[in-house]
Protein backbone atom coordinates (compact mmCIF):
# COMPACT_ATOMS: atom_id res chain seq x y z
CA UNK A 1 -17.74 -17.99 11.44
CA UNK A 2 -17.09 -20.25 8.55
CA UNK A 3 -16.42 -23.53 10.18
CA UNK A 4 -15.88 -25.18 13.39
CA UNK A 5 -13.53 -28.30 13.63
CA UNK A 6 -13.40 -29.48 17.17
CA UNK A 7 -12.25 -26.55 19.50
CA UNK A 8 -10.80 -24.63 16.59
CA UNK A 9 -13.05 -22.09 14.84
CA UNK A 10 -12.15 -21.10 11.40
CA UNK A 11 -12.67 -17.63 10.35
CA UNK A 12 -11.86 -15.35 7.47
CA UNK A 13 -9.07 -13.61 9.35
CA UNK A 14 -7.51 -17.04 10.50
CA UNK A 15 -7.35 -18.60 6.96
CA UNK A 16 -3.93 -18.24 5.43
CA UNK A 17 -3.22 -15.95 2.50
CA UNK A 18 -2.60 -17.68 -0.77
CA UNK A 19 -0.88 -14.59 -2.17
CA UNK A 20 0.13 -11.34 -0.43
CA UNK A 21 0.85 -8.29 -2.70
CA UNK A 22 1.87 -4.85 -1.44
CA UNK A 23 2.27 -1.83 -3.60
CA UNK A 24 3.39 1.85 -2.70
CA UNK A 25 3.82 4.85 -4.74
CA UNK A 26 4.96 8.18 -4.01
CA UNK A 27 4.00 11.57 -5.65
CA UNK A 28 6.55 14.15 -6.47
CA UNK A 29 6.32 17.65 -8.26
CA UNK A 30 9.04 19.38 -10.35
CA UNK A 31 9.61 22.93 -9.42
CA UNK A 32 11.44 24.91 -12.07
CA UNK A 33 13.93 27.44 -10.60
CA UNK A 34 15.66 30.54 -12.22
CA UNK A 35 19.43 29.76 -13.11
CA UNK A 36 19.36 26.75 -11.25
CA UNK A 37 18.43 23.17 -12.12
CA UNK A 38 14.88 21.98 -11.21
CA UNK A 39 14.08 20.43 -7.88
CA UNK A 40 11.62 17.77 -6.87
CA UNK A 41 9.40 18.03 -3.94
CA UNK A 42 7.60 15.06 -2.30
CA UNK A 43 3.79 15.94 -2.02
CA UNK A 44 2.63 12.64 -0.38
CA UNK A 45 1.46 8.97 -0.97
CA UNK A 46 -0.28 8.10 -4.17
CA UNK A 47 -3.81 6.98 -3.89
CA UNK A 48 -3.84 3.07 -5.19
CA UNK A 49 -7.19 2.03 -6.35
């Protein structure tokens, strides 16, 4: 609990965001093929630090 004002309790999860940022990345691998153009295969989400 951060603060109480009357009956309203302010907590970290009830405070509004100043800025919300969302980022996604996907990983793909290029597979070379004989007598055909290369293909791309999805291998999962990238880990974002």
